[in-house]
Protein backbone atom coordinates (compact mmCIF):
# COMPACT_ATOMS: atom_id res chain seq x y z
CA MET A 1 -4.91 15.07 -19.83
CA ASN A 2 -8.32 15.02 -21.40
CA LYS A 3 -9.45 11.74 -19.88
CA ILE A 4 -11.65 11.75 -16.82
CA ILE A 5 -9.79 9.99 -14.04
CA LYS A 6 -12.18 8.35 -11.59
CA PHE A 7 -9.92 6.14 -9.53
CA SER A 8 -6.29 5.77 -8.73
CA ILE A 9 -4.33 2.81 -7.48
CA LEU A 10 -1.67 3.14 -4.85
CA LEU A 11 0.55 0.08 -4.60
CA MET A 12 2.79 -0.12 -1.60
CA ALA A 13 5.10 -2.84 -2.72
CA THR A 14 7.54 -3.07 0.13
CA VAL A 15 5.96 -2.18 3.40
CA LEU A 16 7.81 -3.66 6.37
CA PHE A 17 5.93 -4.37 9.57
CA LEU A 18 7.52 -6.01 12.55
CA GLY A 19 4.91 -8.25 14.12
CA CYS A 20 2.22 -7.82 11.47
CA THR A 21 -0.81 -9.84 12.45
CA GLY A 22 -4.08 -10.79 10.86
CA ALA A 23 -5.89 -13.61 9.15
CA ARG A 24 -4.25 -14.71 5.94
CA GLY A 25 -5.50 -16.90 3.16
CA PRO A 26 -3.49 -19.66 1.51
CA GLU A 27 -0.14 -18.83 -0.12
CA LEU A 28 -0.60 -17.52 -3.66
CA PRO A 29 1.59 -18.28 -6.66
CA ALA A 30 3.91 -15.42 -7.65
CA ASN A 31 2.21 -12.88 -9.95
CA HIS A 32 -1.23 -14.48 -9.37
CA LEU A 33 -4.14 -12.69 -11.14
CA ILE A 34 -6.72 -11.21 -8.75
CA ASP A 35 -10.03 -10.30 -10.39
CA GLY A 36 -11.35 -6.96 -9.24
CA SER A 37 -14.58 -5.04 -9.68
CA TYR A 38 -12.73 -2.02 -11.10
CA ILE A 39 -9.38 -3.40 -12.22
CA ASP A 40 -7.55 -6.72 -12.19
CA ILE A 41 -4.25 -6.81 -10.30
CA HIS A 42 -1.51 -9.36 -9.65
CA SER A 43 -0.07 -10.59 -6.38
CA PRO A 44 3.58 -9.66 -5.77
CA ASN A 45 5.99 -11.42 -8.12
CA SER A 46 7.75 -13.53 -5.48
CA LYS A 47 6.98 -16.56 -3.31
CA GLY A 48 5.33 -16.57 0.11
CA TRP A 49 2.55 -13.98 -0.32
CA SER A 50 -1.01 -14.54 0.95
CA LYS A 51 -4.11 -12.39 0.53
CA MET A 52 -5.29 -10.76 3.79
CA VAL A 53 -8.00 -8.37 2.54
CA HIS A 54 -9.93 -8.07 -0.72
CA SER A 55 -12.60 -5.36 -0.80
CA ASN A 56 -13.90 -2.61 -3.11
CA SER A 57 -11.42 -0.18 -1.54
CA GLN A 58 -8.25 -2.29 -1.18
CA VAL A 59 -6.40 -5.55 -1.65
CA VAL A 60 -3.79 -6.44 0.97
CA PHE A 61 -1.11 -9.15 0.66
CA ALA A 62 1.22 -10.30 3.46
CA LYS A 63 4.24 -12.55 3.87
CA ASP A 64 6.57 -13.49 6.69
CA GLY A 65 10.09 -12.10 6.78
CA ASN A 66 13.31 -13.98 7.43
CA ILE A 67 13.46 -13.34 11.18
CA SER A 68 10.88 -14.04 13.90
CA GLY A 69 8.25 -11.30 14.10
CA GLU A 70 9.20 -9.71 10.75
CA SER A 71 6.55 -9.48 8.04
CA TYR A 72 5.86 -7.63 4.81
CA VAL A 73 2.65 -6.18 3.44
CA ALA A 74 1.78 -5.11 -0.11
CA ARG A 75 -1.36 -3.01 -0.34
CA VAL A 76 -3.31 -1.76 -3.33
CA VAL A 77 -5.67 1.07 -2.43
CA PHE A 78 -8.45 2.34 -4.68
CA PHE A 79 -9.71 5.86 -4.06
CA PRO A 80 -11.88 8.28 -6.03
CA LEU A 81 -10.21 11.21 -7.72
CA ALA A 82 -11.48 14.48 -9.11
CA VAL A 83 -11.04 15.24 -12.78
CA THR A 84 -7.60 16.69 -13.61
CA LYS A 85 -6.55 18.55 -16.73
CA THR A 86 -2.77 18.51 -16.41
CA LYS A 87 -0.05 16.16 -15.20
CA ASN A 88 0.79 18.63 -12.43
CA GLU A 89 -2.81 18.68 -11.15
CA PHE A 90 -2.87 14.87 -11.23
CA PHE A 91 0.45 14.62 -9.39
CA ASN A 92 -0.68 17.03 -6.64
CA LEU A 93 -3.98 15.19 -6.24
CA ILE A 94 -2.20 11.82 -5.87
CA LYS A 95 0.22 13.34 -3.36
CA THR A 96 -2.65 14.70 -1.27
CA GLN A 97 -4.65 11.46 -1.39
CA ALA A 98 -1.62 9.28 -0.55
CA SER A 99 -0.69 11.50 2.38
CA GLN A 100 -4.22 11.21 3.77
CA SER A 101 -4.43 7.41 3.48
CA PHE A 102 -2.79 6.75 6.87
CA ASN A 103 -4.42 7.13 10.28
CA GLU A 104 -2.74 10.18 11.84
CA GLU A 105 -3.55 8.97 15.36
CA ARG A 106 -1.56 5.78 14.72
CA PHE A 107 1.21 6.85 12.31
CA ILE A 108 3.72 9.70 12.56
CA THR A 109 5.34 10.72 9.28
CA ILE A 110 9.15 10.67 9.57
CA GLU A 111 10.00 11.16 5.86
CA SER A 112 7.86 11.66 2.76
CA SER A 113 8.80 12.34 -0.85
CA PHE A 114 6.85 12.25 -4.11
CA GLU A 115 8.20 12.36 -7.65
CA SER A 116 6.58 12.32 -11.05
CA SER A 117 7.39 9.12 -12.95
CA GLU A 118 7.68 8.61 -16.70
CA GLN A 119 7.95 4.79 -16.41
CA ARG A 120 4.52 4.23 -17.92
CA SER A 121 2.67 5.64 -20.93
CA TYR A 122 0.20 7.37 -18.58
CA PRO A 123 0.77 9.83 -15.71
CA CYS A 124 2.24 8.16 -12.64
CA ALA A 125 3.61 9.31 -9.28
CA GLU A 126 6.16 7.57 -7.04
CA ALA A 127 6.05 7.92 -3.27
CA LYS A 128 8.64 7.04 -0.65
CA GLN A 129 7.52 7.36 2.95
CA LEU A 130 8.71 6.38 6.41
CA PHE A 131 6.26 6.27 9.31
CA LYS A 132 6.44 5.46 12.99
CA ASP A 133 3.59 3.12 13.93
CA LYS A 134 2.60 3.95 17.51
CA MET A 135 0.18 1.02 17.85
CA ALA A 136 1.80 -1.99 16.14
CA LYS A 137 0.61 -5.29 17.59
CA THR A 138 3.42 -7.38 19.02
CA SER A 139 1.67 -10.75 18.53
CA THR A 140 -1.42 -12.32 17.03
CA PHE A 141 -2.50 -13.47 20.48
CA SER A 142 -1.61 -10.31 22.39
CA PHE A 143 -3.30 -6.97 22.88
CA SER A 144 0.00 -5.24 23.60
CA THR A 145 1.48 -2.77 21.14
CA GLU A 146 4.85 -1.09 20.63
CA GLU A 147 6.31 1.61 18.41
CA GLN A 148 7.73 0.31 15.15
CA PHE A 149 8.67 1.74 11.77
CA MET A 150 6.87 1.26 8.46
CA GLN A 151 8.59 2.01 5.16
CA VAL A 152 6.47 2.60 2.04
CA LYS A 153 7.50 2.69 -1.60
CA SER A 154 4.74 3.11 -4.14
């Protein structure tokens, strides 16, 4: 890889939170274009998603699940990367950065796997992770928390 890679995007498309809380914007159309300072992205390609956060470092979407207290979050994270010369160096750098993107005081890693992906014309890595969230809020109007699981596929 001769190109200088400055940023990477980590999309966590199916993150399940039970009792996810936070201010949400209006519901977005499926596959809605979101203009970004570095790259344009699209909202998830299904109904019911709202934008929760839009900053220089991340865009977060959320939607309610089918049962009370169930919700889903899709998160795009932008983080700086060092220059890599090979696919293997790139893959290892993404793996390290993705592993460090969760608060270790809040989340315990249960499972984590990374694989190189050839789905795109450029280097790409797929991650599958399962975390225990030790501080998940149980309600928007409550300060209580409980342990819950978070599954990530990116």
